[in-house]
């Protein structure tokens, strides 16, 4: 496969960067790819309500099968420190 000038320039610059920076660029590229795919999926969901319902069901099944834990420790400072002590929020 023949690379165009932009691809060649990107690779040239990428090869001159440290490995950590190359990883950051890879991560950003993957983010952009996922965003483009997501945007395309969102458009198809708007055009097809049945697809939205199907995607919603799939999402709910995933959440139910692997619920995430919510860390509520951040709210501990708002709780009463002693029993019987009233706290005004």
Foldseek 3Di string as FASTA:
>chain_A
DDDDPVVVVVVVVLVVDDPVVNVVVVVVVVVVVVVVVVVVLVVVCVVPVVSVVVVVVVVVVVCVVPPDDDDPVVCVVQDDPDPPDDGDD
